[in-house]
Amino acid sequence: MTIEASDYVDEVMRRWPATIRAFLEQRMHCVGCPIGCFHTVEEACREHGVELPVFLAALRALAAEPCRESCGCAS
């Protein structure tokens, strides 16, 4: 499954915990935000002034990285 602009922020971070790094690096306040389960990646980018195509590429790259056994993600 590929991360899409229409995916909810909270779902992305829960399914691929490594993507949290991308949110933090962009200073997006999505980690732990109660609105994360209602905001899509596209909406979060718009709210924080982050370029969607660049951010999606970063999320997808992080999600594709091999996980450590203790990570608990779906990969």
N, C-alpha and C. Protein backbone atom coordinates (compact mmCIF):
# COMPACT_ATOMS: atom_id res chain seq x y z
N MET A 1 0.83 -1.18 0.00
CA MET A 1 0.00 0.00 0.00
C MET A 1 0.88 1.25 0.00
N THR A 2 0.56 2.19 -0.83
CA THR A 2 1.29 3.44 -0.95
C THR A 2 0.59 4.53 -0.17
N ILE A 3 1.34 5.40 0.42
CA ILE A 3 0.76 6.54 1.14
C ILE A 3 0.25 7.54 0.11
N GLU A 4 -0.98 7.96 0.28
CA GLU A 4 -1.62 8.91 -0.64
C GLU A 4 -1.96 10.20 0.10
N ALA A 5 -2.18 11.26 -0.66
CA ALA A 5 -2.54 12.57 -0.10
C ALA A 5 -3.85 12.50 0.67
N SER A 6 -4.71 11.58 0.30
CA SER A 6 -6.02 11.46 0.93
C SER A 6 -6.01 10.60 2.20
N ASP A 7 -4.85 10.03 2.55
CA ASP A 7 -4.76 9.23 3.78
C ASP A 7 -4.76 10.13 5.00
N TYR A 8 -5.35 9.64 6.07
CA TYR A 8 -5.39 10.42 7.30
C TYR A 8 -4.04 10.37 8.00
N VAL A 9 -3.64 11.52 8.53
CA VAL A 9 -2.33 11.68 9.16
C VAL A 9 -2.12 10.64 10.26
N ASP A 10 -3.08 10.49 11.14
CA ASP A 10 -2.96 9.55 12.24
C ASP A 10 -2.77 8.12 11.75
N GLU A 11 -3.50 7.76 10.71
CA GLU A 11 -3.40 6.42 10.13
C GLU A 11 -2.00 6.17 9.57
N VAL A 12 -1.45 7.18 8.90
CA VAL A 12 -0.10 7.06 8.31
C VAL A 12 0.92 6.83 9.42
N MET A 13 0.85 7.64 10.48
CA MET A 13 1.84 7.52 11.55
C MET A 13 1.70 6.21 12.32
N ARG A 14 0.48 5.72 12.46
CA ARG A 14 0.28 4.45 13.16
C ARG A 14 0.74 3.25 12.32
N ARG A 15 0.45 3.30 11.04
CA ARG A 15 0.81 2.16 10.18
C ARG A 15 2.31 2.12 9.88
N TRP A 16 2.91 3.31 9.71
CA TRP A 16 4.34 3.42 9.40
C TRP A 16 4.97 4.38 10.41
N PRO A 17 5.32 3.93 11.59
CA PRO A 17 5.87 4.81 12.63
C PRO A 17 7.11 5.59 12.19
N ALA A 18 7.86 5.06 11.25
CA ALA A 18 9.06 5.78 10.78
C ALA A 18 8.69 7.11 10.13
N THR A 19 7.45 7.26 9.66
CA THR A 19 7.05 8.50 9.00
C THR A 19 6.92 9.67 9.98
N ILE A 20 6.85 9.37 11.25
CA ILE A 20 6.76 10.44 12.26
C ILE A 20 7.94 11.40 12.10
N ARG A 21 9.09 10.86 11.74
CA ARG A 21 10.28 11.69 11.54
C ARG A 21 10.04 12.79 10.51
N ALA A 22 9.33 12.47 9.42
CA ALA A 22 9.07 13.47 8.37
C ALA A 22 8.20 14.61 8.91
N PHE A 23 7.20 14.27 9.71
CA PHE A 23 6.35 15.30 10.30
C PHE A 23 7.16 16.20 11.22
N LEU A 24 8.01 15.60 12.04
CA LEU A 24 8.82 16.38 12.97
C LEU A 24 9.85 17.25 12.24
N GLU A 25 10.47 16.70 11.21
CA GLU A 25 11.47 17.47 10.46
C GLU A 25 10.87 18.69 9.78
N GLN A 26 9.60 18.62 9.41
CA GLN A 26 8.92 19.75 8.78
C GLN A 26 8.25 20.67 9.81
N ARG A 27 8.48 20.36 11.08
CA ARG A 27 7.88 21.13 12.18
C ARG A 27 6.36 21.16 12.10
N MET A 28 5.82 20.04 11.64
CA MET A 28 4.37 19.89 11.60
C MET A 28 3.92 19.38 12.96
N HIS A 29 2.91 19.97 13.51
CA HIS A 29 2.46 19.64 14.86
C HIS A 29 1.43 18.53 14.85
N CYS A 30 1.61 17.56 13.98
CA CYS A 30 0.63 16.49 13.79
C CYS A 30 0.81 15.35 14.78
N VAL A 31 2.01 15.15 15.28
CA VAL A 31 2.28 14.05 16.19
C VAL A 31 1.55 14.32 17.51
N GLY A 32 0.61 13.44 17.82
CA GLY A 32 -0.16 13.59 19.05
C GLY A 32 -1.33 14.55 18.95
N CYS A 33 -1.53 15.14 17.80
CA CYS A 33 -2.63 16.10 17.61
C CYS A 33 -3.96 15.36 17.55
N PRO A 34 -4.96 15.82 18.30
CA PRO A 34 -6.26 15.14 18.26
C PRO A 34 -6.98 15.29 16.92
N ILE A 35 -6.55 16.19 16.07
CA ILE A 35 -7.17 16.39 14.75
C ILE A 35 -6.57 15.44 13.71
N GLY A 36 -5.47 14.77 14.05
CA GLY A 36 -4.78 13.88 13.11
C GLY A 36 -5.66 12.78 12.51
N CYS A 37 -6.67 12.37 13.25
CA CYS A 37 -7.54 11.32 12.72
C CYS A 37 -8.60 11.88 11.77
N PHE A 38 -8.66 13.21 11.65
CA PHE A 38 -9.61 13.87 10.74
C PHE A 38 -8.92 14.57 9.58
N HIS A 39 -7.63 14.88 9.72
CA HIS A 39 -6.88 15.60 8.68
C HIS A 39 -6.19 14.62 7.74
N THR A 40 -6.29 14.89 6.46
CA THR A 40 -5.54 14.11 5.49
C THR A 40 -4.13 14.68 5.39
N VAL A 41 -3.25 13.94 4.77
CA VAL A 41 -1.89 14.41 4.54
C VAL A 41 -1.93 15.71 3.74
N GLU A 42 -2.80 15.76 2.75
CA GLU A 42 -2.93 16.97 1.92
C GLU A 42 -3.35 18.17 2.76
N GLU A 43 -4.33 18.00 3.62
CA GLU A 43 -4.79 19.10 4.47
C GLU A 43 -3.71 19.55 5.44
N ALA A 44 -2.97 18.60 6.00
CA ALA A 44 -1.89 18.93 6.93
C ALA A 44 -0.80 19.74 6.22
N CYS A 45 -0.47 19.34 5.00
CA CYS A 45 0.54 20.07 4.24
C CYS A 45 0.07 21.50 3.96
N ARG A 46 -1.17 21.63 3.58
CA ARG A 46 -1.72 22.96 3.31
C ARG A 46 -1.69 23.83 4.57
N GLU A 47 -2.08 23.26 5.70
CA GLU A 47 -2.11 23.99 6.97
C GLU A 47 -0.73 24.46 7.41
N HIS A 48 0.28 23.64 7.12
CA HIS A 48 1.64 23.92 7.59
C HIS A 48 2.54 24.51 6.51
N GLY A 49 2.00 24.76 5.32
CA GLY A 49 2.79 25.35 4.25
C GLY A 49 3.89 24.45 3.71
N VAL A 50 3.62 23.15 3.67
CA VAL A 50 4.60 22.17 3.21
C VAL A 50 4.18 21.70 1.81
N GLU A 51 5.15 21.58 0.91
CA GLU A 51 4.86 21.13 -0.45
C GLU A 51 4.43 19.66 -0.45
N LEU A 52 3.23 19.41 -0.91
CA LEU A 52 2.65 18.07 -0.87
C LEU A 52 3.48 17.03 -1.63
N PRO A 53 3.88 17.26 -2.88
CA PRO A 53 4.63 16.21 -3.59
C PRO A 53 5.95 15.84 -2.91
N VAL A 54 6.64 16.84 -2.39
CA VAL A 54 7.91 16.60 -1.71
C VAL A 54 7.68 15.82 -0.42
N PHE A 55 6.65 16.22 0.32
CA PHE A 55 6.36 15.56 1.59
C PHE A 55 5.89 14.13 1.37
N LEU A 56 5.04 13.91 0.38
CA LEU A 56 4.61 12.54 0.07
C LEU A 56 5.79 11.65 -0.29
N ALA A 57 6.73 12.18 -1.05
CA ALA A 57 7.92 11.41 -1.41
C ALA A 57 8.71 11.03 -0.16
N ALA A 58 8.83 11.97 0.79
CA ALA A 58 9.54 11.69 2.03
C ALA A 58 8.82 10.63 2.85
N LEU A 59 7.49 10.73 2.95
CA LEU A 59 6.71 9.74 3.69
C LEU A 59 6.87 8.36 3.07
N ARG A 60 6.77 8.30 1.76
CA ARG A 60 6.86 7.01 1.06
C ARG A 60 8.24 6.38 1.23
N ALA A 61 9.28 7.21 1.18
CA ALA A 61 10.64 6.70 1.36
C ALA A 61 10.83 6.13 2.77
N LEU A 62 10.33 6.85 3.76
CA LEU A 62 10.45 6.37 5.14
C LEU A 62 9.63 5.11 5.36
N ALA A 63 8.46 5.04 4.77
CA ALA A 63 7.60 3.86 4.92
C ALA A 63 8.22 2.64 4.26
N ALA A 64 9.03 2.84 3.24
CA ALA A 64 9.64 1.73 2.51
C ALA A 64 10.91 1.21 3.16
N GLU A 65 11.45 1.96 4.13
CA GLU A 65 12.67 1.52 4.80
C GLU A 65 12.40 0.25 5.60
N PRO A 66 13.38 -0.64 5.65
CA PRO A 66 13.21 -1.85 6.47
C PRO A 66 13.03 -1.46 7.94
N CYS A 67 12.18 -2.19 8.60
CA CYS A 67 11.88 -1.90 10.02
C CYS A 67 12.73 -2.74 10.95
N ARG A 68 12.87 -2.22 12.15
CA ARG A 68 13.45 -3.02 13.21
C ARG A 68 12.32 -3.92 13.74
N GLU A 69 12.66 -5.05 14.26
CA GLU A 69 11.65 -5.99 14.75
C GLU A 69 10.75 -5.36 15.81
N SER A 70 11.28 -4.47 16.63
CA SER A 70 10.52 -3.90 17.73
C SER A 70 9.61 -2.76 17.30
N CYS A 71 9.66 -2.38 16.04
CA CYS A 71 8.89 -1.21 15.58
C CYS A 71 7.38 -1.40 15.67
N GLY A 72 6.89 -2.59 15.36
CA GLY A 72 5.47 -2.88 15.49
C GLY A 72 4.61 -2.43 14.31
N CYS A 73 5.22 -1.98 13.23
CA CYS A 73 4.42 -1.55 12.08
C CYS A 73 4.03 -2.75 11.22
N ALA A 74 3.24 -2.47 10.21
CA ALA A 74 2.71 -3.53 9.37
C ALA A 74 3.71 -4.07 8.34
N SER A 75 4.85 -3.42 8.16
CA SER A 75 5.81 -3.87 7.13
C SER A 75 6.50 -5.15 7.50
